[in-house]
Amino acid sequence: MGKYTITRDGQKDLRFTGEKLADADNKWVAGQEQNRWQAVALYKTASGEYVLMENYYTLWQGETDRCGATVCETAQEVLDALTTEEGVLSDLDKELLQNAAKVDVAFDGLWLEELE
């Protein structure tokens, strides 16, 4: 386990002990480097909570990067935090959940909707 400090715009930075479960970014899309992109990472704290980091980066003059993090009690809360009000889960967010499922069974299949 390591000690992490996550920068958050408009809030106190978040420091915790835990482990990084997964990360993903969309800096490169279809072989093209983007001038605006998002990076997400998921951590599990020593106490069992999840920290979802979402950063937005830009190379555009006059724009600034944005940094944030959300603390979640459960894997379902992480999914809820990633899902928009319209019910959209981006490909980047799906990738994060799939990577997290490789090391934490709580995320297994969260990006799937199953029909019986």
C-alpha atoms as a PDB file:
ATOM      1  CA  MET A   1       0.000   0.000   0.000  1.00  0.00           C
ATOM      2  CA  GLY A   2       1.118   3.500  -0.770  1.00  0.00           C
ATOM      3  CA  LYS A   3       0.282   7.000   0.373  1.00  0.00           C
ATOM      4  CA  TYR A   4      -1.517   9.125  -2.237  1.00  0.00           C
ATOM      5  CA  THR A   5      -2.507  12.778  -2.470  1.00  0.00           C
ATOM      6  CA  ILE A   6      -5.128  13.645  -5.080  1.00  0.00           C
ATOM      7  CA  THR A   7      -5.528  17.282  -6.152  1.00  0.00           C
ATOM      8  CA  ARG A   8      -9.106  18.572  -6.205  1.00  0.00           C
ATOM      9  CA  ASP A   9     -10.169  21.920  -7.650  1.00  0.00           C
ATOM     10  CA  GLY A  10     -12.268  23.969  -5.228  1.00  0.00           C
ATOM     11  CA  GLN A  11     -11.867  21.458  -2.391  1.00  0.00           C
ATOM     12  CA  LYS A  12      -9.162  20.320  -0.038  1.00  0.00           C
ATOM     13  CA  ASP A  13      -6.764  17.850  -1.631  1.00  0.00           C
ATOM     14  CA  LEU A  14      -7.434  14.257  -0.651  1.00  0.00           C
ATOM     15  CA  ARG A  15      -4.716  12.191   1.092  1.00  0.00           C
ATOM     16  CA  PHE A  16      -5.102   8.496   1.876  1.00  0.00           C
ATOM     17  CA  THR A  17      -3.282   5.197   2.193  1.00  0.00           C
ATOM     18  CA  GLY A  18      -4.299   2.541  -0.297  1.00  0.00           C
ATOM     19  CA  GLU A  19      -3.610   0.993  -3.664  1.00  0.00           C
ATOM     20  CA  LYS A  20      -4.300   1.991  -7.251  1.00  0.00           C
ATOM     21  CA  LEU A  21      -6.681  -0.518  -8.819  1.00  0.00           C
ATOM     22  CA  ALA A  22      -6.903   0.851 -12.356  1.00  0.00           C
ATOM     23  CA  ASP A  23      -6.458   3.834 -14.615  1.00  0.00           C
ATOM     24  CA  ALA A  24      -7.314   4.864 -18.169  1.00  0.00           C
ATOM     25  CA  ASP A  25      -7.082   7.908 -20.396  1.00  0.00           C
ATOM     26  CA  ASN A  26      -8.112   9.018 -23.862  1.00  0.00           C
ATOM     27  CA  LYS A  27      -5.091  11.122 -24.796  1.00  0.00           C
ATOM     28  CA  TRP A  28      -4.706   9.011 -27.933  1.00  0.00           C
ATOM     29  CA  VAL A  29      -7.841   8.223 -29.975  1.00  0.00           C
ATOM     30  CA  ALA A  30      -7.690   6.352 -33.289  1.00  0.00           C
ATOM     31  CA  GLY A  31      -3.943   6.925 -33.427  1.00  0.00           C
ATOM     32  CA  GLN A  32      -4.276  10.682 -32.978  1.00  0.00           C
ATOM     33  CA  GLU A  33      -2.957  12.591 -29.971  1.00  0.00           C
ATOM     34  CA  GLN A  34      -5.693  14.790 -28.531  1.00  0.00           C
ATOM     35  CA  ASN A  35      -5.296  18.387 -27.369  1.00  0.00           C
ATOM     36  CA  ARG A  36      -8.027  17.853 -24.772  1.00  0.00           C
ATOM     37  CA  TRP A  37      -8.352  14.577 -22.894  1.00  0.00           C
ATOM     38  CA  GLN A  38      -9.548  12.907 -19.730  1.00  0.00           C
ATOM     39  CA  ALA A  39      -7.669  10.653 -17.314  1.00  0.00           C
ATOM     40  CA  VAL A  40      -9.429   8.529 -14.705  1.00  0.00           C
ATOM     41  CA  ALA A  41      -8.014   6.383 -11.929  1.00  0.00           C
ATOM     42  CA  LEU A  42      -9.530   4.236  -9.216  1.00  0.00           C
ATOM     43  CA  TYR A  43      -7.976   3.591  -5.817  1.00  0.00           C
ATOM     44  CA  LYS A  44      -9.011   1.451  -2.858  1.00  0.00           C
ATOM     45  CA  THR A  45      -8.182   2.899   0.542  1.00  0.00           C
ATOM     46  CA  ALA A  46      -6.866   0.930   3.487  1.00  0.00           C
ATOM     47  CA  SER A  47     -10.328   1.276   5.070  1.00  0.00           C
ATOM     48  CA  GLY A  48     -12.034  -0.238   1.987  1.00  0.00           C
ATOM     49  CA  GLU A  49     -13.466   2.909   0.403  1.00  0.00           C
ATOM     50  CA  TYR A  50     -12.904   3.742  -3.249  1.00  0.00           C
ATOM     51  CA  VAL A  51     -11.451   6.995  -4.563  1.00  0.00           C
ATOM     52  CA  LEU A  52     -12.393   7.889  -8.126  1.00  0.00           C
ATOM     53  CA  MET A  53     -10.050  10.478  -9.652  1.00  0.00           C
ATOM     54  CA  GLU A  54     -11.208  12.333 -12.774  1.00  0.00           C
ATOM     55  CA  ASN A  55      -8.880  14.861 -14.409  1.00  0.00           C
ATOM     56  CA  TYR A  56      -9.423  16.859 -17.578  1.00  0.00           C
ATOM     57  CA  TYR A  57      -6.397  18.169 -19.453  1.00  0.00           C
ATOM     58  CA  THR A  58      -6.101  20.764 -22.187  1.00  0.00           C
ATOM     59  CA  LEU A  59      -3.341  22.180 -24.334  1.00  0.00           C
ATOM     60  CA  TRP A  60      -5.560  25.046 -25.544  1.00  0.00           C
ATOM     61  CA  GLN A  61      -4.304  28.505 -24.638  1.00  0.00           C
ATOM     62  CA  GLY A  62      -6.644  30.195 -22.160  1.00  0.00           C
ATOM     63  CA  GLU A  63      -8.058  26.918 -20.846  1.00  0.00           C
ATOM     64  CA  THR A  64      -6.983  25.280 -17.602  1.00  0.00           C
ATOM     65  CA  ASP A  65      -6.822  21.684 -16.460  1.00  0.00           C
ATOM     66  CA  ARG A  66      -9.470  20.461 -14.004  1.00  0.00           C
ATOM     67  CA  CYS A  67      -8.823  17.970 -11.228  1.00  0.00           C
ATOM     68  CA  GLY A  68     -11.281  16.168  -8.987  1.00  0.00           C
ATOM     69  CA  ALA A  69     -11.915  13.095  -6.914  1.00  0.00           C
ATOM     70  CA  THR A  70     -14.945  11.418  -5.402  1.00  0.00           C
ATOM     71  CA  VAL A  71     -14.971   9.071  -2.416  1.00  0.00           C
ATOM     72  CA  CYS A  72     -17.340   6.097  -2.827  1.00  0.00           C
ATOM     73  CA  GLU A  73     -18.340   3.416  -0.342  1.00  0.00           C
ATOM     74  CA  THR A  74     -19.075   0.676  -2.898  1.00  0.00           C
ATOM     75  CA  ALA A  75     -18.323  -0.360  -6.466  1.00  0.00           C
ATOM     76  CA  GLN A  76     -21.936   0.500  -7.355  1.00  0.00           C
ATOM     77  CA  GLU A  77     -21.360   4.054  -6.098  1.00  0.00           C
ATOM     78  CA  VAL A  78     -18.311   4.266  -8.382  1.00  0.00           C
ATOM     79  CA  LEU A  79     -20.496   3.204 -11.327  1.00  0.00           C
ATOM     80  CA  ASP A  80     -23.118   5.782 -10.335  1.00  0.00           C
ATOM     81  CA  ALA A  81     -20.449   8.513 -10.145  1.00  0.00           C
ATOM     82  CA  LEU A  82     -19.219   7.630 -13.648  1.00  0.00           C
ATOM     83  CA  THR A  83     -22.690   7.477 -15.215  1.00  0.00           C
ATOM     84  CA  THR A  84     -24.165  10.759 -16.473  1.00  0.00           C
ATOM     85  CA  GLU A  85     -27.655  11.954 -15.585  1.00  0.00           C
ATOM     86  CA  GLU A  86     -28.737  10.709 -19.037  1.00  0.00           C
ATOM     87  CA  GLY A  87     -27.504   7.203 -18.163  1.00  0.00           C
ATOM     88  CA  VAL A  88     -24.404   7.395 -20.382  1.00  0.00           C
ATOM     89  CA  LEU A  89     -21.256   5.480 -19.463  1.00  0.00           C
ATOM     90  CA  SER A  90     -18.344   6.500 -21.699  1.00  0.00           C
ATOM     91  CA  ASP A  91     -15.948   4.042 -23.330  1.00  0.00           C
ATOM     92  CA  LEU A  92     -13.194   5.450 -21.095  1.00  0.00           C
ATOM     93  CA  ASP A  93     -15.252   4.752 -17.983  1.00  0.00           C
ATOM     94  CA  LYS A  94     -16.028   1.224 -19.201  1.00  0.00           C
ATOM     95  CA  GLU A  95     -12.301   0.668 -19.701  1.00  0.00           C
ATOM     96  CA  LEU A  96     -11.638   1.823 -16.135  1.00  0.00           C
ATOM     97  CA  LEU A  97     -14.271  -0.581 -14.750  1.00  0.00           C
ATOM     98  CA  GLN A  98     -12.931  -3.476 -16.841  1.00  0.00           C
ATOM     99  CA  ASN A  99      -9.390  -2.815 -15.612  1.00  0.00           C
ATOM    100  CA  ALA A 100     -10.607  -2.578 -12.009  1.00  0.00           C
ATOM    101  CA  ALA A 101     -12.422  -5.921 -12.350  1.00  0.00           C
ATOM    102  CA  LYS A 102      -9.078  -7.591 -13.047  1.00  0.00           C
ATOM    103  CA  VAL A 103      -7.989  -6.902  -9.468  1.00  0.00           C
ATOM    104  CA  ASP A 104     -11.253  -6.393  -7.516  1.00  0.00           C
ATOM    105  CA  VAL A 105     -14.172  -8.794  -7.975  1.00  0.00           C
ATOM    106  CA  ALA A 106     -16.625  -6.081  -6.809  1.00  0.00           C
ATOM    107  CA  PHE A 107     -16.321  -4.511 -10.294  1.00  0.00           C
ATOM    108  CA  ASP A 108     -16.893  -7.731 -12.239  1.00  0.00           C
ATOM    109  CA  GLY A 109     -19.483  -7.086 -14.954  1.00  0.00           C
ATOM    110  CA  LEU A 110     -20.578  -3.627 -13.746  1.00  0.00           C
ATOM    111  CA  TRP A 111     -20.310  -2.292 -17.306  1.00  0.00           C
ATOM    112  CA  LEU A 112     -22.763  -4.940 -18.592  1.00  0.00           C
ATOM    113  CA  GLU A 113     -26.534  -4.979 -18.699  1.00  0.00           C
ATOM    114  CA  GLU A 114     -27.796  -8.547 -18.615  1.00  0.00           C
ATOM    115  CA  LEU A 115     -31.155  -9.713 -19.923  1.00  0.00           C
ATOM    116  CA  GLU A 116     -32.728 -12.951 -18.802  1.00  0.00           C
END
